[in-house]
């Protein structure tokens, strides 16, 4: 049995706009004109979850997290 889907969340206060997340997970993260991430709020399919976890783990400001989808 698979775990329930997760959603990527951003703490905009912690984010400093390094842009690493969009390089690691371009399927769901784009950057605005100032280099800050725009997160796709839809649940992440299981086949992309590994990429999402890597983006969360590599964020230099710990501004990303995965939460259970509602």
PDB file of N, CA and C in Angstrom:
ATOM      1  N   UNK A   1       0.842  -1.186   0.000  1.00  0.00           N
ATOM      2  CA  UNK A   1       0.000   0.000   0.000  1.00  0.00           C
ATOM      3  C   UNK A   1       0.883   1.244   0.000  1.00  0.00           C
ATOM      4  N   UNK A   2       0.550   2.181  -0.837  1.00  0.00           N
ATOM      5  CA  UNK A   2       1.324   3.411  -0.947  1.00  0.00           C
ATOM      6  C   UNK A   2       0.885   4.431   0.092  1.00  0.00           C
ATOM      7  N   UNK A   3       1.832   5.283   0.445  1.00  0.00           N
ATOM      8  CA  UNK A   3       1.525   6.389   1.352  1.00  0.00           C
ATOM      9  C   UNK A   3       0.626   7.384   0.617  1.00  0.00           C
ATOM     10  N   UNK A   4      -0.170   8.157   1.356  1.00  0.00           N
ATOM     11  CA  UNK A   4      -1.021   9.148   0.691  1.00  0.00           C
ATOM     12  C   UNK A   4      -0.174  10.214  -0.008  1.00  0.00           C
ATOM     13  N   UNK A   5      -0.718  10.854  -1.027  1.00  0.00           N
ATOM     14  CA  UNK A   5       0.039  11.880  -1.753  1.00  0.00           C
ATOM     15  C   UNK A   5       0.413  13.051  -0.837  1.00  0.00           C
ATOM     16  N   UNK A   6       1.467  13.738  -1.227  1.00  0.00           N
ATOM     17  CA  UNK A   6       1.933  14.900  -0.477  1.00  0.00           C
ATOM     18  C   UNK A   6       1.873  16.138  -1.365  1.00  0.00           C
ATOM     19  N   UNK A   7       1.911  17.304  -0.720  1.00  0.00           N
ATOM     20  CA  UNK A   7       1.902  18.590  -1.400  1.00  0.00           C
ATOM     21  C   UNK A   7       3.115  19.380  -0.949  1.00  0.00           C
ATOM     22  N   UNK A   8       3.715  20.088  -1.855  1.00  0.00           N
ATOM     23  CA  UNK A   8       4.871  20.911  -1.549  1.00  0.00           C
ATOM     24  C   UNK A   8       4.405  22.272  -1.038  1.00  0.00           C
ATOM     25  N   UNK A   9       4.996  22.722   0.061  1.00  0.00           N
ATOM     26  CA  UNK A   9       4.652  24.019   0.664  1.00  0.00           C
ATOM     27  C   UNK A   9       5.915  24.858   0.806  1.00  0.00           C
ATOM     28  N   UNK A  10       5.743  26.170   0.745  1.00  0.00           N
ATOM     29  CA  UNK A  10       6.846  27.120   0.861  1.00  0.00           C
ATOM     30  C   UNK A  10       6.615  28.047   2.034  1.00  0.00           C
ATOM     31  N   UNK A  11       7.658  28.282   2.814  1.00  0.00           N
ATOM     32  CA  UNK A  11       7.635  29.312   3.852  1.00  0.00           C
ATOM     33  C   UNK A  11       8.238  30.560   3.213  1.00  0.00           C
ATOM     34  N   UNK A  12       7.414  31.516   2.778  1.00  0.00           N
ATOM     35  CA  UNK A  12       7.936  32.672   2.055  1.00  0.00           C
ATOM     36  C   UNK A  12       8.815  33.584   2.915  1.00  0.00           C
ATOM     37  N   UNK A  13       8.655  33.525   4.218  1.00  0.00           N
ATOM     38  CA  UNK A  13       9.489  34.332   5.106  1.00  0.00           C
ATOM     39  C   UNK A  13      10.915  33.779   5.140  1.00  0.00           C
ATOM     40  N   UNK A  14      11.052  32.458   5.158  1.00  0.00           N
ATOM     41  CA  UNK A  14      12.373  31.826   5.228  1.00  0.00           C
ATOM     42  C   UNK A  14      13.099  31.850   3.881  1.00  0.00           C
ATOM     43  N   UNK A  15      12.362  31.857   2.793  1.00  0.00           N
ATOM     44  CA  UNK A  15      12.964  31.774   1.463  1.00  0.00           C
ATOM     45  C   UNK A  15      13.761  33.035   1.139  1.00  0.00           C
ATOM     46  N   UNK A  16      14.966  32.824   0.597  1.00  0.00           N
ATOM     47  CA  UNK A  16      15.811  33.939   0.167  1.00  0.00           C
ATOM     48  C   UNK A  16      15.984  33.970  -1.353  1.00  0.00           C
ATOM     49  N   UNK A  17      15.265  33.128  -2.062  1.00  0.00           N
ATOM     50  CA  UNK A  17      15.280  33.162  -3.524  1.00  0.00           C
ATOM     51  C   UNK A  17      16.547  32.636  -4.164  1.00  0.00           C
ATOM     52  N   UNK A  18      17.157  31.616  -3.598  1.00  0.00           N
ATOM     53  CA  UNK A  18      18.357  31.025  -4.196  1.00  0.00           C
ATOM     54  C   UNK A  18      18.051  30.334  -5.531  1.00  0.00           C
ATOM     55  N   UNK A  19      16.849  29.773  -5.674  1.00  0.00           N
ATOM     56  CA  UNK A  19      16.428  29.150  -6.922  1.00  0.00           C
ATOM     57  C   UNK A  19      16.855  27.716  -7.108  1.00  0.00           C
ATOM     58  N   UNK A  20      17.561  27.146  -6.146  1.00  0.00           N
ATOM     59  CA  UNK A  20      18.010  25.758  -6.263  1.00  0.00           C
ATOM     60  C   UNK A  20      16.821  24.808  -6.406  1.00  0.00           C
ATOM     61  N   UNK A  21      15.745  25.093  -5.702  1.00  0.00           N
ATOM     62  CA  UNK A  21      14.572  24.215  -5.736  1.00  0.00           C
ATOM     63  C   UNK A  21      14.015  24.066  -7.150  1.00  0.00           C
ATOM     64  N   UNK A  22      13.997  25.153  -7.907  1.00  0.00           N
ATOM     65  CA  UNK A  22      13.453  25.073  -9.265  1.00  0.00           C
ATOM     66  C   UNK A  22      14.376  24.290 -10.192  1.00  0.00           C
ATOM     67  N   UNK A  23      15.665  24.273  -9.898  1.00  0.00           N
ATOM     68  CA  UNK A  23      16.590  23.463 -10.680  1.00  0.00           C
ATOM     69  C   UNK A  23      16.407  21.977 -10.367  1.00  0.00           C
ATOM     70  N   UNK A  24      16.116  21.676  -9.104  1.00  0.00           N
ATOM     71  CA  UNK A  24      15.967  20.285  -8.676  1.00  0.00           C
ATOM     72  C   UNK A  24      14.586  19.707  -8.963  1.00  0.00           C
ATOM     73  N   UNK A  25      13.573  20.571  -9.025  1.00  0.00           N
ATOM     74  CA  UNK A  25      12.200  20.082  -9.212  1.00  0.00           C
ATOM     75  C   UNK A  25      11.422  21.004 -10.160  1.00  0.00           C
ATOM     76  N   UNK A  26      11.909  21.124 -11.403  1.00  0.00           N
ATOM     77  CA  UNK A  26      11.258  22.045 -12.349  1.00  0.00           C
ATOM     78  C   UNK A  26       9.850  21.621 -12.752  1.00  0.00           C
ATOM     79  N   UNK A  27       9.491  20.363 -12.479  1.00  0.00           N
ATOM     80  CA  UNK A  27       8.137  19.901 -12.817  1.00  0.00           C
ATOM     81  C   UNK A  27       7.075  20.629 -12.007  1.00  0.00           C
ATOM     82  N   UNK A  28       7.432  21.129 -10.830  1.00  0.00           N
ATOM     83  CA  UNK A  28       6.448  21.756  -9.948  1.00  0.00           C
ATOM     84  C   UNK A  28       6.860  23.118  -9.412  1.00  0.00           C
ATOM     85  N   UNK A  29       8.102  23.548  -9.653  1.00  0.00           N
ATOM     86  CA  UNK A  29       8.566  24.828  -9.116  1.00  0.00           C
ATOM     87  C   UNK A  29       9.131  25.682 -10.247  1.00  0.00           C
ATOM     88  N   UNK A  30       8.587  26.884 -10.383  1.00  0.00           N
ATOM     89  CA  UNK A  30       9.130  27.877 -11.304  1.00  0.00           C
ATOM     90  C   UNK A  30       9.551  29.084 -10.476  1.00  0.00           C
ATOM     91  N   UNK A  31      10.239  30.015 -11.098  1.00  0.00           N
ATOM     92  CA  UNK A  31      10.680  31.214 -10.384  1.00  0.00           C
ATOM     93  C   UNK A  31       9.962  32.439 -10.925  1.00  0.00           C
ATOM     94  N   UNK A  32       9.662  33.374 -10.018  1.00  0.00           N
ATOM     95  CA  UNK A  32       9.068  34.636 -10.448  1.00  0.00           C
ATOM     96  C   UNK A  32      10.176  35.559 -10.974  1.00  0.00           C
ATOM     97  N   UNK A  33       9.827  36.781 -11.313  1.00  0.00           N
ATOM     98  CA  UNK A  33      10.785  37.725 -11.889  1.00  0.00           C
ATOM     99  C   UNK A  33      11.924  38.082 -10.941  1.00  0.00           C
ATOM    100  N   UNK A  34      11.744  37.882  -9.643  1.00  0.00           N
ATOM    101  CA  UNK A  34      12.762  38.216  -8.646  1.00  0.00           C
ATOM    102  C   UNK A  34      13.531  36.985  -8.170  1.00  0.00           C
ATOM    103  N   UNK A  35      13.242  35.832  -8.746  1.00  0.00           N
ATOM    104  CA  UNK A  35      13.962  34.611  -8.399  1.00  0.00           C
ATOM    105  C   UNK A  35      13.362  33.812  -7.260  1.00  0.00           C
ATOM    106  N   UNK A  36      12.153  34.172  -6.837  1.00  0.00           N
ATOM    107  CA  UNK A  36      11.492  33.428  -5.756  1.00  0.00           C
ATOM    108  C   UNK A  36      10.587  32.346  -6.342  1.00  0.00           C
ATOM    109  N   UNK A  37      10.485  31.212  -5.650  1.00  0.00           N
ATOM    110  CA  UNK A  37       9.736  30.088  -6.209  1.00  0.00           C
ATOM    111  C   UNK A  37       8.225  30.301  -6.232  1.00  0.00           C
ATOM    112  N   UNK A  38       7.639  29.776  -7.281  1.00  0.00           N
ATOM    113  CA  UNK A  38       6.189  29.667  -7.415  1.00  0.00           C
ATOM    114  C   UNK A  38       5.913  28.169  -7.401  1.00  0.00           C
ATOM    115  N   UNK A  39       5.175  27.723  -6.396  1.00  0.00           N
ATOM    116  CA  UNK A  39       4.940  26.303  -6.176  1.00  0.00           C
ATOM    117  C   UNK A  39       3.594  25.886  -6.758  1.00  0.00           C
ATOM    118  N   UNK A  40       3.591  24.811  -7.514  1.00  0.00           N
ATOM    119  CA  UNK A  40       2.347  24.214  -7.995  1.00  0.00           C
ATOM    120  C   UNK A  40       1.689  23.542  -6.787  1.00  0.00           C
ATOM    121  N   UNK A  41       0.469  23.952  -6.406  1.00  0.00           N
ATOM    122  CA  UNK A  41      -0.156  23.446  -5.185  1.00  0.00           C
ATOM    123  C   UNK A  41      -0.848  22.084  -5.304  1.00  0.00           C
ATOM    124  N   UNK A  42      -0.824  21.487  -6.475  1.00  0.00           N
ATOM    125  CA  UNK A  42      -1.511  20.201  -6.631  1.00  0.00           C
ATOM    126  C   UNK A  42      -0.692  19.078  -5.988  1.00  0.00           C
ATOM    127  N   UNK A  43      -1.360  18.015  -5.555  1.00  0.00           N
ATOM    128  CA  UNK A  43      -0.625  16.893  -4.956  1.00  0.00           C
ATOM    129  C   UNK A  43       0.433  16.343  -5.912  1.00  0.00           C
ATOM    130  N   UNK A  44       1.524  15.902  -5.339  1.00  0.00           N
ATOM    131  CA  UNK A  44       2.647  15.390  -6.121  1.00  0.00           C
ATOM    132  C   UNK A  44       2.433  13.902  -6.378  1.00  0.00           C
ATOM    133  N   UNK A  45       2.485  13.488  -7.639  1.00  0.00           N
ATOM    134  CA  UNK A  45       2.332  12.058  -7.929  1.00  0.00           C
ATOM    135  C   UNK A  45       3.495  11.262  -7.325  1.00  0.00           C
ATOM    136  N   UNK A  46       3.232  10.033  -7.000  1.00  0.00           N
ATOM    137  CA  UNK A  46       4.245   9.188  -6.357  1.00  0.00           C
ATOM    138  C   UNK A  46       5.529   9.110  -7.181  1.00  0.00           C
ATOM    139  N   UNK A  47       5.405   9.119  -8.499  1.00  0.00           N
ATOM    140  CA  UNK A  47       6.606   8.998  -9.326  1.00  0.00           C
ATOM    141  C   UNK A  47       7.500  10.238  -9.273  1.00  0.00           C
ATOM    142  N   UNK A  48       6.985  11.377  -8.796  1.00  0.00           N
ATOM    143  CA  UNK A  48       7.793  12.593  -8.658  1.00  0.00           C
ATOM    144  C   UNK A  48       8.184  12.893  -7.211  1.00  0.00           C
ATOM    145  N   UNK A  49       7.701  12.109  -6.284  1.00  0.00           N
ATOM    146  CA  UNK A  49       7.942  12.406  -4.868  1.00  0.00           C
ATOM    147  C   UNK A  49       9.428  12.388  -4.505  1.00  0.00           C
ATOM    148  N   UNK A  50      10.185  11.531  -5.104  1.00  0.00           N
ATOM    149  CA  UNK A  50      11.626  11.474  -4.821  1.00  0.00           C
ATOM    150  C   UNK A  50      12.295  12.801  -5.186  1.00  0.00           C
ATOM    151  N   UNK A  51      11.896  13.387  -6.307  1.00  0.00           N
ATOM    152  CA  UNK A  51      12.449  14.677  -6.727  1.00  0.00           C
ATOM    153  C   UNK A  51      12.026  15.796  -5.776  1.00  0.00           C
ATOM    154  N   UNK A  52      10.787  15.735  -5.327  1.00  0.00           N
ATOM    155  CA  UNK A  52      10.304  16.737  -4.375  1.00  0.00           C
ATOM    156  C   UNK A  52      11.076  16.653  -3.062  1.00  0.00           C
ATOM    157  N   UNK A  53      11.304  15.446  -2.588  1.00  0.00           N
ATOM    158  CA  UNK A  53      12.054  15.273  -1.333  1.00  0.00           C
ATOM    159  C   UNK A  53      13.494  15.778  -1.474  1.00  0.00           C
ATOM    160  N   UNK A  54      14.076  15.597  -2.625  1.00  0.00           N
ATOM    161  CA  UNK A  54      15.431  16.109  -2.836  1.00  0.00           C
ATOM    162  C   UNK A  54      15.441  17.637  -2.797  1.00  0.00           C
ATOM    163  N   UNK A  55      14.468  18.282  -3.441  1.00  0.00           N
ATOM    164  CA  UNK A  55      14.385  19.752  -3.414  1.00  0.00           C
ATOM    165  C   UNK A  55      14.207  20.259  -1.992  1.00  0.00           C
ATOM    166  N   UNK A  56      13.364  19.591  -1.221  1.00  0.00           N
ATOM    167  CA  UNK A  56      13.157  19.973   0.184  1.00  0.00           C
ATOM    168  C   UNK A  56      14.454  19.825   0.962  1.00  0.00           C
ATOM    169  N   UNK A  57      15.135  18.717   0.777  1.00  0.00           N
ATOM    170  CA  UNK A  57      16.360  18.441   1.516  1.00  0.00           C
ATOM    171  C   UNK A  57      17.519  19.353   1.157  1.00  0.00           C
ATOM    172  N   UNK A  58      17.543  19.857  -0.058  1.00  0.00           N
ATOM    173  CA  UNK A  58      18.649  20.703  -0.514  1.00  0.00           C
ATOM    174  C   UNK A  58      18.394  22.199  -0.330  1.00  0.00           C
ATOM    175  N   UNK A  59      17.209  22.586   0.071  1.00  0.00           N
ATOM    176  CA  UNK A  59      16.903  24.017   0.249  1.00  0.00           C
ATOM    177  C   UNK A  59      17.845  24.615   1.299  1.00  0.00           C
ATOM    178  N   UNK A  60      18.646  25.626   0.941  1.00  0.00           N
ATOM    179  CA  UNK A  60      19.613  26.180   1.885  1.00  0.00           C
ATOM    180  C   UNK A  60      18.979  26.904   3.073  1.00  0.00           C
ATOM    181  N   UNK A  61      17.723  27.296   2.974  1.00  0.00           N
ATOM    182  CA  UNK A  61      17.047  28.017   4.054  1.00  0.00           C
ATOM    183  C   UNK A  61      15.944  27.188   4.714  1.00  0.00           C
ATOM    184  N   UNK A  62      15.818  25.923   4.331  1.00  0.00           N
ATOM    185  CA  UNK A  62      14.760  25.039   4.864  1.00  0.00           C
ATOM    186  C   UNK A  62      13.391  25.677   4.721  1.00  0.00           C
ATOM    187  N   UNK A  63      13.158  26.293   3.564  1.00  0.00           N
ATOM    188  CA  UNK A  63      11.902  26.992   3.318  1.00  0.00           C
ATOM    189  C   UNK A  63      10.841  26.106   2.668  1.00  0.00           C
ATOM    190  N   UNK A  64      11.216  24.908   2.270  1.00  0.00           N
ATOM    191  CA  UNK A  64      10.269  23.991   1.642  1.00  0.00           C
ATOM    192  C   UNK A  64       9.940  22.847   2.595  1.00  0.00           C
ATOM    193  N   UNK A  65       8.716  22.344   2.469  1.00  0.00           N
ATOM    194  CA  UNK A  65       8.346  21.155   3.250  1.00  0.00           C
ATOM    195  C   UNK A  65       7.257  20.408   2.476  1.00  0.00           C
ATOM    196  N   UNK A  66       7.142  19.139   2.783  1.00  0.00           N
ATOM    197  CA  UNK A  66       6.083  18.316   2.213  1.00  0.00           C
ATOM    198  C   UNK A  66       5.037  18.068   3.287  1.00  0.00           C
ATOM    199  N   UNK A  67       3.786  18.228   2.928  1.00  0.00           N
ATOM    200  CA  UNK A  67       2.685  17.992   3.860  1.00  0.00           C
ATOM    201  C   UNK A  67       1.716  17.018   3.207  1.00  0.00           C
ATOM    202  N   UNK A  68       0.969  16.273   4.027  1.00  0.00           N
ATOM    203  CA  UNK A  68      -0.044  15.386   3.471  1.00  0.00           C
ATOM    204  C   UNK A  68      -1.065  16.190   2.660  1.00  0.00           C
ATOM    205  N   UNK A  69      -1.446  15.667   1.518  1.00  0.00           N
ATOM    206  CA  UNK A  69      -2.454  16.337   0.693  1.00  0.00           C
ATOM    207  C   UNK A  69      -3.816  16.243   1.364  1.00  0.00           C
ATOM    208  N   UNK A  70      -4.579  17.252   1.145  1.00  0.00           N
ATOM    209  CA  UNK A  70      -5.920  17.293   1.754  1.00  0.00           C
ATOM    210  C   UNK A  70      -6.962  16.823   0.796  1.00  0.00           C
TER     211      UNK A  70
END
